[in-house]
Amino acid sequence: MAACPKHRVSRMNQRKRRTHYKVGALTLAKCQQCFELKLAHRVCPKCGYYSRKIKVLDIKQKEK
């Protein structure tokens, strides 16, 4: 069954109720292979490793 409101909820009261719906800060971790910052529990975009031994992506780096 759907809600059956008795009174209209004003915009201000709606917004007050939603003040706690916030985006949390990103969790950054150092890559164990190249020591760059990356998102935790993700493949490193710089070297392509997930952990020290598991290579997931084959990334070709530019040679100078």
C-alpha atoms as a PDB file:
ATOM      1  CA  MET A   1       0.000   0.000   0.000  1.00  0.00           C
ATOM      2  CA  ALA A   2       1.104   3.518  -0.703  1.00  0.00           C
ATOM      3  CA  ALA A   3       1.429   6.286   1.855  1.00  0.00           C
ATOM      4  CA  CYS A   4      -1.671   8.357   2.531  1.00  0.00           C
ATOM      5  CA  PRO A   5      -0.509  11.753   3.805  1.00  0.00           C
ATOM      6  CA  LYS A   6      -2.885  13.838   5.898  1.00  0.00           C
ATOM      7  CA  HIS A   7      -1.129  17.159   5.215  1.00  0.00           C
ATOM      8  CA  ARG A   8       1.177  18.592   2.585  1.00  0.00           C
ATOM      9  CA  VAL A   9       4.879  18.632   3.501  1.00  0.00           C
ATOM     10  CA  SER A  10       6.506  21.973   2.742  1.00  0.00           C
ATOM     11  CA  ARG A  11       9.712  22.237   0.710  1.00  0.00           C
ATOM     12  CA  MET A  12      11.651  23.390   3.768  1.00  0.00           C
ATOM     13  CA  ASN A  13      10.583  20.369   5.822  1.00  0.00           C
ATOM     14  CA  GLN A  14      11.429  18.011   2.951  1.00  0.00           C
ATOM     15  CA  ARG A  15      14.885  19.535   2.661  1.00  0.00           C
ATOM     16  CA  LYS A  16      15.466  19.447   6.424  1.00  0.00           C
ATOM     17  CA  ARG A  17      14.702  15.729   6.432  1.00  0.00           C
ATOM     18  CA  ARG A  18      17.169  15.108   3.610  1.00  0.00           C
ATOM     19  CA  THR A  19      20.115  17.004   5.126  1.00  0.00           C
ATOM     20  CA  HIS A  20      21.732  13.741   6.279  1.00  0.00           C
ATOM     21  CA  TYR A  21      21.817  12.199   2.793  1.00  0.00           C
ATOM     22  CA  LYS A  22      25.436  13.051   1.995  1.00  0.00           C
ATOM     23  CA  VAL A  23      28.145  11.512  -0.111  1.00  0.00           C
ATOM     24  CA  GLY A  24      31.025  10.196   1.956  1.00  0.00           C
ATOM     25  CA  ALA A  25      34.676  10.937   1.262  1.00  0.00           C
ATOM     26  CA  LEU A  26      36.515   8.632  -1.133  1.00  0.00           C
ATOM     27  CA  THR A  27      38.827   6.058   0.432  1.00  0.00           C
ATOM     28  CA  LEU A  28      42.250   6.322  -1.165  1.00  0.00           C
ATOM     29  CA  ALA A  29      44.987   3.733  -0.747  1.00  0.00           C
ATOM     30  CA  LYS A  30      48.560   3.468  -1.998  1.00  0.00           C
ATOM     31  CA  CYS A  31      49.183   0.989  -4.786  1.00  0.00           C
ATOM     32  CA  GLN A  32      51.515  -1.754  -3.546  1.00  0.00           C
ATOM     33  CA  GLN A  33      53.273  -1.927  -6.917  1.00  0.00           C
ATOM     34  CA  CYS A  34      53.859   1.719  -7.953  1.00  0.00           C
ATOM     35  CA  PHE A  35      52.872   3.570  -4.719  1.00  0.00           C
ATOM     36  CA  GLU A  36      50.423   5.908  -6.486  1.00  0.00           C
ATOM     37  CA  LEU A  37      47.134   6.813  -4.816  1.00  0.00           C
ATOM     38  CA  LYS A  38      44.161   4.832  -6.098  1.00  0.00           C
ATOM     39  CA  LEU A  39      40.645   3.989  -4.975  1.00  0.00           C
ATOM     40  CA  ALA A  40      40.617   1.210  -2.387  1.00  0.00           C
ATOM     41  CA  HIS A  41      39.760  -2.285  -3.678  1.00  0.00           C
ATOM     42  CA  ARG A  42      40.175  -1.213  -7.323  1.00  0.00           C
ATOM     43  CA  VAL A  43      42.748  -1.869 -10.033  1.00  0.00           C
ATOM     44  CA  CYS A  44      45.464   0.798 -10.172  1.00  0.00           C
ATOM     45  CA  PRO A  45      45.000   2.945 -13.308  1.00  0.00           C
ATOM     46  CA  LYS A  46      48.757   3.676 -13.525  1.00  0.00           C
ATOM     47  CA  CYS A  47      50.241   0.167 -13.463  1.00  0.00           C
ATOM     48  CA  GLY A  48      47.235  -2.175 -13.858  1.00  0.00           C
ATOM     49  CA  TYR A  49      47.861  -4.243 -10.713  1.00  0.00           C
ATOM     50  CA  TYR A  50      45.191  -5.125  -8.150  1.00  0.00           C
ATOM     51  CA  SER A  51      47.667  -6.233  -5.498  1.00  0.00           C
ATOM     52  CA  ARG A  52      51.403  -6.864  -5.544  1.00  0.00           C
ATOM     53  CA  LYS A  53      51.093 -10.166  -7.446  1.00  0.00           C
ATOM     54  CA  ILE A  54      47.853  -9.883  -9.430  1.00  0.00           C
ATOM     55  CA  LYS A  55      48.178  -8.049 -12.755  1.00  0.00           C
ATOM     56  CA  VAL A  56      44.744  -7.357 -14.227  1.00  0.00           C
ATOM     57  CA  LEU A  57      45.241  -4.738 -16.941  1.00  0.00           C
ATOM     58  CA  ASP A  58      47.994  -4.561 -19.526  1.00  0.00           C
ATOM     59  CA  ILE A  59      48.758  -0.825 -19.641  1.00  0.00           C
ATOM     60  CA  LYS A  60      51.323   0.471 -22.109  1.00  0.00           C
ATOM     61  CA  GLN A  61      53.192   3.395 -20.575  1.00  0.00           C
ATOM     62  CA  LYS A  62      54.659   6.167 -22.697  1.00  0.00           C
ATOM     63  CA  GLU A  63      58.425   5.994 -23.030  1.00  0.00           C
ATOM     64  CA  LYS A  64      60.293   9.276 -23.036  1.00  0.00           C
END
